[in-house]
Amino acid sequence: MAYHEHTDHRYLRNLRKGAPEAVKAFMAFDQEALTGSDKVIPRKYTELMAVAVALTTQCAYCIEAHVPAAKAAGATEAELAETVMIAAALRAGGSFAHGFMAMKFFEGAPEAEAPVGGEAEPAAHV
């Protein structure tokens, strides 16, 4: 048994059985966001954005679904490669930018002690 198998979508039936209304609402939202009639972003760019998000969230299922969809919508290999590098830059950039916050907390900056309009709460550790 592998962690990710392209046939795992068959287990959607279990989700539908356990939470039918939530699944129905999610599927409708997903369909509307990606292919709704009022979309202004061309399909190719929608799919490339979906690939970028899938790469940053590391969803193998979404990568598997949206890469072929992007190709079918006319995306080139060069566009896919650029999408990969943009996603990588932003994912790394997020860590870099949050490093500013880490430095702020390390210094014990006053603005790091209490959120605006409230008392500081101890940080949750996961």
N, C-alpha and C. Protein backbone atom coordinates (compact mmCIF):
# COMPACT_ATOMS: atom_id res chain seq x y z
N MET A 1 0.84 -1.17 0.00
CA MET A 1 0.00 0.00 0.00
C MET A 1 0.89 1.24 0.00
N ALA A 2 0.61 2.14 -0.89
CA ALA A 2 1.37 3.39 -0.99
C ALA A 2 0.60 4.52 -0.32
N TYR A 3 1.34 5.53 0.10
CA TYR A 3 0.72 6.71 0.71
C TYR A 3 -0.19 7.40 -0.29
N HIS A 4 0.29 7.60 -1.49
CA HIS A 4 -0.49 8.27 -2.53
C HIS A 4 -0.69 7.32 -3.70
N GLU A 5 -1.93 7.05 -3.98
CA GLU A 5 -2.28 6.23 -5.14
C GLU A 5 -3.31 6.99 -5.95
N HIS A 6 -3.14 7.02 -7.25
CA HIS A 6 -4.04 7.81 -8.09
C HIS A 6 -5.48 7.31 -8.04
N THR A 7 -5.71 6.16 -7.49
CA THR A 7 -7.07 5.62 -7.39
C THR A 7 -7.75 5.96 -6.05
N ASP A 8 -7.06 6.70 -5.20
CA ASP A 8 -7.62 7.01 -3.88
C ASP A 8 -8.94 7.79 -3.93
N HIS A 9 -9.21 8.44 -5.06
CA HIS A 9 -10.46 9.20 -5.18
C HIS A 9 -11.69 8.33 -4.98
N ARG A 10 -11.51 7.02 -5.10
CA ARG A 10 -12.67 6.13 -4.90
C ARG A 10 -13.20 6.20 -3.47
N TYR A 11 -12.37 6.68 -2.56
CA TYR A 11 -12.80 6.79 -1.17
C TYR A 11 -13.66 8.03 -0.91
N LEU A 12 -13.90 8.79 -1.96
CA LEU A 12 -14.84 9.90 -1.84
C LEU A 12 -16.20 9.38 -1.39
N ARG A 13 -16.52 8.17 -1.80
CA ARG A 13 -17.80 7.59 -1.39
C ARG A 13 -17.93 7.52 0.13
N ASN A 14 -16.82 7.28 0.82
CA ASN A 14 -16.84 7.22 2.28
C ASN A 14 -17.13 8.61 2.86
N LEU A 15 -16.51 9.63 2.26
CA LEU A 15 -16.79 11.00 2.72
C LEU A 15 -18.24 11.37 2.46
N ARG A 16 -18.74 11.00 1.26
CA ARG A 16 -20.14 11.30 0.94
C ARG A 16 -21.10 10.61 1.91
N LYS A 17 -20.76 9.40 2.31
CA LYS A 17 -21.61 8.66 3.24
C LYS A 17 -21.59 9.31 4.62
N GLY A 18 -20.40 9.74 5.06
CA GLY A 18 -20.26 10.29 6.40
C GLY A 18 -20.68 11.73 6.54
N ALA A 19 -20.51 12.52 5.48
CA ALA A 19 -20.83 13.96 5.54
C ALA A 19 -21.39 14.41 4.20
N PRO A 20 -22.56 13.91 3.83
CA PRO A 20 -23.08 14.15 2.48
C PRO A 20 -23.29 15.62 2.12
N GLU A 21 -23.84 16.39 3.01
CA GLU A 21 -24.10 17.80 2.69
C GLU A 21 -22.82 18.62 2.60
N ALA A 22 -21.86 18.34 3.47
CA ALA A 22 -20.59 19.05 3.43
C ALA A 22 -19.84 18.71 2.14
N VAL A 23 -19.84 17.45 1.74
CA VAL A 23 -19.18 17.04 0.51
C VAL A 23 -19.86 17.69 -0.69
N LYS A 24 -21.17 17.68 -0.69
CA LYS A 24 -21.92 18.30 -1.79
C LYS A 24 -21.59 19.79 -1.89
N ALA A 25 -21.54 20.48 -0.77
CA ALA A 25 -21.22 21.91 -0.76
C ALA A 25 -19.79 22.15 -1.22
N PHE A 26 -18.86 21.32 -0.76
CA PHE A 26 -17.47 21.48 -1.18
C PHE A 26 -17.33 21.26 -2.68
N MET A 27 -17.93 20.20 -3.20
CA MET A 27 -17.82 19.89 -4.62
C MET A 27 -18.41 21.02 -5.46
N ALA A 28 -19.52 21.58 -5.03
CA ALA A 28 -20.12 22.71 -5.76
C ALA A 28 -19.20 23.93 -5.73
N PHE A 29 -18.62 24.21 -4.58
CA PHE A 29 -17.69 25.34 -4.45
C PHE A 29 -16.48 25.12 -5.35
N ASP A 30 -15.89 23.95 -5.28
CA ASP A 30 -14.72 23.62 -6.09
C ASP A 30 -15.02 23.79 -7.58
N GLN A 31 -16.14 23.27 -8.00
CA GLN A 31 -16.56 23.36 -9.41
C GLN A 31 -16.73 24.82 -9.82
N GLU A 32 -17.38 25.60 -8.99
CA GLU A 32 -17.62 27.01 -9.31
C GLU A 32 -16.31 27.80 -9.35
N ALA A 33 -15.43 27.55 -8.39
CA ALA A 33 -14.16 28.28 -8.34
C ALA A 33 -13.28 27.97 -9.55
N LEU A 34 -13.30 26.74 -10.01
CA LEU A 34 -12.42 26.35 -11.11
C LEU A 34 -13.03 26.53 -12.50
N THR A 35 -14.34 26.37 -12.61
CA THR A 35 -14.94 26.38 -13.95
C THR A 35 -16.24 27.16 -14.02
N GLY A 36 -16.54 27.98 -13.04
CA GLY A 36 -17.81 28.71 -13.02
C GLY A 36 -18.02 29.59 -14.23
N SER A 37 -19.27 29.84 -14.55
CA SER A 37 -19.62 30.60 -15.75
C SER A 37 -19.20 32.07 -15.67
N ASP A 38 -18.97 32.59 -14.47
CA ASP A 38 -18.60 34.00 -14.34
C ASP A 38 -17.09 34.21 -14.20
N LYS A 39 -16.30 33.17 -14.47
CA LYS A 39 -14.85 33.29 -14.36
C LYS A 39 -14.31 34.25 -15.42
N VAL A 40 -13.33 35.05 -15.03
CA VAL A 40 -12.68 35.96 -15.97
C VAL A 40 -11.24 35.53 -16.27
N ILE A 41 -10.67 34.68 -15.42
CA ILE A 41 -9.31 34.18 -15.64
C ILE A 41 -9.38 32.99 -16.60
N PRO A 42 -8.60 33.03 -17.68
CA PRO A 42 -8.62 31.90 -18.62
C PRO A 42 -8.25 30.58 -17.94
N ARG A 43 -8.80 29.52 -18.47
CA ARG A 43 -8.63 28.17 -17.90
C ARG A 43 -7.16 27.80 -17.71
N LYS A 44 -6.31 28.10 -18.68
CA LYS A 44 -4.90 27.75 -18.57
C LYS A 44 -4.29 28.38 -17.32
N TYR A 45 -4.60 29.63 -17.06
CA TYR A 45 -4.02 30.31 -15.91
C TYR A 45 -4.64 29.83 -14.60
N THR A 46 -5.92 29.50 -14.65
CA THR A 46 -6.55 28.91 -13.47
C THR A 46 -5.84 27.62 -13.09
N GLU A 47 -5.57 26.79 -14.09
CA GLU A 47 -4.91 25.51 -13.82
C GLU A 47 -3.47 25.69 -13.37
N LEU A 48 -2.75 26.66 -13.95
CA LEU A 48 -1.38 26.92 -13.50
C LEU A 48 -1.38 27.44 -12.06
N MET A 49 -2.35 28.27 -11.70
CA MET A 49 -2.47 28.72 -10.30
C MET A 49 -2.76 27.53 -9.40
N ALA A 50 -3.63 26.63 -9.86
CA ALA A 50 -3.94 25.44 -9.07
C ALA A 50 -2.69 24.59 -8.87
N VAL A 51 -1.87 24.48 -9.89
CA VAL A 51 -0.62 23.73 -9.76
C VAL A 51 0.28 24.40 -8.73
N ALA A 52 0.41 25.72 -8.82
CA ALA A 52 1.27 26.45 -7.87
C ALA A 52 0.81 26.23 -6.43
N VAL A 53 -0.48 26.32 -6.22
CA VAL A 53 -1.01 26.11 -4.86
C VAL A 53 -0.80 24.66 -4.44
N ALA A 54 -1.04 23.73 -5.35
CA ALA A 54 -0.84 22.32 -5.03
C ALA A 54 0.62 22.03 -4.66
N LEU A 55 1.54 22.69 -5.34
CA LEU A 55 2.95 22.51 -5.01
C LEU A 55 3.27 23.07 -3.64
N THR A 56 2.72 24.22 -3.31
CA THR A 56 3.04 24.82 -2.01
C THR A 56 2.34 24.10 -0.87
N THR A 57 1.16 23.55 -1.12
CA THR A 57 0.48 22.78 -0.07
C THR A 57 0.91 21.32 -0.10
N GLN A 58 1.65 20.96 -1.12
CA GLN A 58 2.19 19.62 -1.31
C GLN A 58 1.10 18.56 -1.40
N CYS A 59 0.07 18.88 -2.18
CA CYS A 59 -1.03 17.94 -2.39
C CYS A 59 -0.76 17.14 -3.67
N ALA A 60 -0.31 15.91 -3.49
CA ALA A 60 0.01 15.06 -4.63
C ALA A 60 -1.20 14.82 -5.53
N TYR A 61 -2.38 14.72 -4.92
CA TYR A 61 -3.59 14.48 -5.70
C TYR A 61 -3.90 15.67 -6.60
N CYS A 62 -3.73 16.88 -6.07
CA CYS A 62 -4.00 18.08 -6.86
C CYS A 62 -2.96 18.25 -7.96
N ILE A 63 -1.71 17.94 -7.66
CA ILE A 63 -0.67 18.02 -8.69
C ILE A 63 -1.02 17.07 -9.82
N GLU A 64 -1.40 15.85 -9.45
CA GLU A 64 -1.76 14.84 -10.45
C GLU A 64 -2.95 15.28 -11.30
N ALA A 65 -3.90 15.98 -10.71
CA ALA A 65 -5.10 16.40 -11.44
C ALA A 65 -4.86 17.68 -12.26
N HIS A 66 -4.16 18.64 -11.68
CA HIS A 66 -4.09 19.96 -12.33
C HIS A 66 -2.97 20.10 -13.35
N VAL A 67 -1.91 19.30 -13.27
CA VAL A 67 -0.87 19.37 -14.30
C VAL A 67 -1.44 18.94 -15.66
N PRO A 68 -2.09 17.78 -15.75
CA PRO A 68 -2.67 17.42 -17.06
C PRO A 68 -3.76 18.40 -17.51
N ALA A 69 -4.52 18.94 -16.55
CA ALA A 69 -5.55 19.92 -16.91
C ALA A 69 -4.91 21.19 -17.47
N ALA A 70 -3.80 21.61 -16.89
CA ALA A 70 -3.09 22.78 -17.41
C ALA A 70 -2.56 22.51 -18.82
N LYS A 71 -2.00 21.32 -19.00
CA LYS A 71 -1.50 20.94 -20.33
C LYS A 71 -2.64 20.93 -21.35
N ALA A 72 -3.77 20.34 -20.97
CA ALA A 72 -4.93 20.29 -21.86
C ALA A 72 -5.46 21.68 -22.19
N ALA A 73 -5.26 22.62 -21.27
CA ALA A 73 -5.73 23.99 -21.48
C ALA A 73 -4.70 24.82 -22.25
N GLY A 74 -3.59 24.19 -22.65
CA GLY A 74 -2.63 24.86 -23.49
C GLY A 74 -1.34 25.30 -22.82
N ALA A 75 -1.16 24.95 -21.55
CA ALA A 75 0.08 25.32 -20.87
C ALA A 75 1.25 24.56 -21.47
N THR A 76 2.37 25.24 -21.60
CA THR A 76 3.57 24.61 -22.15
C THR A 76 4.43 24.07 -21.01
N GLU A 77 5.42 23.26 -21.38
CA GLU A 77 6.35 22.75 -20.38
C GLU A 77 7.12 23.90 -19.74
N ALA A 78 7.48 24.90 -20.52
CA ALA A 78 8.18 26.07 -19.98
C ALA A 78 7.30 26.83 -18.98
N GLU A 79 6.01 26.95 -19.27
CA GLU A 79 5.10 27.63 -18.34
C GLU A 79 4.96 26.83 -17.05
N LEU A 80 4.89 25.50 -17.18
CA LEU A 80 4.81 24.66 -15.99
C LEU A 80 6.10 24.79 -15.17
N ALA A 81 7.25 24.78 -15.83
CA ALA A 81 8.52 24.92 -15.12
C ALA A 81 8.58 26.26 -14.39
N GLU A 82 8.13 27.32 -15.05
CA GLU A 82 8.12 28.63 -14.41
C GLU A 82 7.17 28.64 -13.21
N THR A 83 6.04 27.99 -13.35
CA THR A 83 5.08 27.88 -12.25
C THR A 83 5.72 27.17 -11.06
N VAL A 84 6.44 26.09 -11.33
CA VAL A 84 7.14 25.35 -10.27
C VAL A 84 8.12 26.28 -9.55
N MET A 85 8.89 27.04 -10.30
CA MET A 85 9.90 27.90 -9.68
C MET A 85 9.27 29.07 -8.92
N ILE A 86 8.16 29.60 -9.42
CA ILE A 86 7.45 30.65 -8.69
C ILE A 86 6.92 30.10 -7.37
N ALA A 87 6.33 28.92 -7.41
CA ALA A 87 5.82 28.30 -6.18
C ALA A 87 6.95 28.06 -5.20
N ALA A 88 8.08 27.58 -5.70
CA ALA A 88 9.23 27.32 -4.82
C ALA A 88 9.74 28.62 -4.21
N ALA A 89 9.80 29.67 -5.01
CA ALA A 89 10.28 30.97 -4.50
C ALA A 89 9.34 31.51 -3.43
N LEU A 90 8.03 31.40 -3.65
CA LEU A 90 7.10 31.90 -2.66
C LEU A 90 7.08 31.07 -1.39
N ARG A 91 7.22 29.76 -1.54
CA ARG A 91 7.26 28.92 -0.34
C ARG A 91 8.51 29.24 0.48
N ALA A 92 9.64 29.36 -0.19
CA ALA A 92 10.87 29.74 0.51
C ALA A 92 10.77 31.17 1.02
N GLY A 93 10.17 32.03 0.23
CA GLY A 93 10.00 33.43 0.63
C GLY A 93 9.15 33.58 1.87
N GLY A 94 8.16 32.70 2.01
CA GLY A 94 7.33 32.74 3.22
C GLY A 94 8.15 32.45 4.46
N SER A 95 9.03 31.47 4.35
CA SER A 95 9.91 31.16 5.48
C SER A 95 10.85 32.33 5.76
N PHE A 96 11.38 32.91 4.71
CA PHE A 96 12.28 34.06 4.85
C PHE A 96 11.55 35.22 5.53
N ALA A 97 10.36 35.56 5.04
CA ALA A 97 9.60 36.68 5.60
C ALA A 97 9.18 36.41 7.04
N HIS A 98 8.80 35.17 7.35
CA HIS A 98 8.45 34.85 8.73
C HIS A 98 9.69 34.87 9.63
N GLY A 99 10.85 34.80 9.00
CA GLY A 99 12.09 34.96 9.76
C GLY A 99 12.17 36.34 10.40
N PHE A 100 11.54 37.35 9.78
CA PHE A 100 11.50 38.68 10.39
C PHE A 100 10.79 38.59 11.74
N MET A 101 9.68 37.84 11.76
CA MET A 101 8.92 37.66 12.99
C MET A 101 9.75 36.91 14.02
N ALA A 102 10.47 35.89 13.58
CA ALA A 102 11.32 35.13 14.50
C ALA A 102 12.36 36.05 15.14
N MET A 103 12.94 36.92 14.34
CA MET A 103 13.94 37.87 14.87
C MET A 103 13.28 38.84 15.86
N LYS A 104 12.06 39.27 15.55
CA LYS A 104 11.32 40.18 16.43
C LYS A 104 11.09 39.51 17.78
N PHE A 105 10.63 38.24 17.77
CA PHE A 105 10.38 37.54 19.02
C PHE A 105 11.68 37.28 19.78
N PHE A 106 12.75 37.00 19.04
CA PHE A 106 14.04 36.78 19.68
C PHE A 106 14.50 38.03 20.41
N GLU A 107 14.29 39.19 19.79
CA GLU A 107 14.68 40.45 20.43
C GLU A 107 13.73 40.85 21.54
N GLY A 108 12.56 40.24 21.59
CA GLY A 108 11.57 40.60 22.60
C GLY A 108 10.96 41.96 22.33
N ALA A 109 10.79 42.28 21.07
CA ALA A 109 10.23 43.58 20.68
C ALA A 109 8.88 43.79 21.34
N PRO A 110 8.60 45.02 21.79
CA PRO A 110 7.32 45.29 22.47
C PRO A 110 6.10 44.86 21.67
N GLU A 111 6.12 45.08 20.34
CA GLU A 111 4.96 44.70 19.54
C GLU A 111 4.79 43.18 19.45
N ALA A 112 5.79 42.43 19.85
CA ALA A 112 5.70 40.97 19.85
C ALA A 112 5.04 40.45 21.12
N GLU A 113 4.90 41.31 22.11
CA GLU A 113 4.38 40.86 23.40
C GLU A 113 2.87 40.76 23.46
N ALA A 114 2.16 41.70 22.88
CA ALA A 114 0.70 41.67 22.96
C ALA A 114 0.09 42.05 21.63
N PRO A 115 -0.88 41.28 21.18
CA PRO A 115 -1.56 41.65 19.95
C PRO A 115 -2.36 42.94 20.16
N VAL A 116 -2.58 43.66 19.10
CA VAL A 116 -3.34 44.90 19.17
C VAL A 116 -4.72 44.62 19.74
N GLY A 117 -5.09 45.38 20.77
CA GLY A 117 -6.41 45.26 21.36
C GLY A 117 -6.61 44.08 22.28
N GLY A 118 -5.55 43.50 22.78
CA GLY A 118 -5.76 42.35 23.66
C GLY A 118 -4.52 41.97 24.44
N GLU A 119 -4.73 41.02 25.29
CA GLU A 119 -3.65 40.50 26.13
C GLU A 119 -2.86 39.47 25.35
N ALA A 120 -1.61 39.39 25.63
CA ALA A 120 -0.78 38.36 25.02
C ALA A 120 -1.14 37.01 25.60
N GLU A 121 -1.22 36.02 24.74
CA GLU A 121 -1.47 34.67 25.21
C GLU A 121 -0.25 33.84 24.95
N PRO A 122 0.01 32.85 25.78
CA PRO A 122 1.17 32.01 25.55
C PRO A 122 1.09 31.34 24.18
N ALA A 123 2.21 31.20 23.53
CA ALA A 123 2.25 30.55 22.22
C ALA A 123 1.92 29.08 22.37
N ALA A 124 1.13 28.59 21.44
CA ALA A 124 0.82 27.15 21.42
C ALA A 124 1.98 26.42 20.77
N HIS A 125 2.34 25.30 21.32
CA HIS A 125 3.42 24.50 20.75
C HIS A 125 2.81 23.23 20.18
N VAL A 126 3.16 22.97 18.93
CA VAL A 126 2.63 21.77 18.29
C VAL A 126 3.73 20.78 18.03
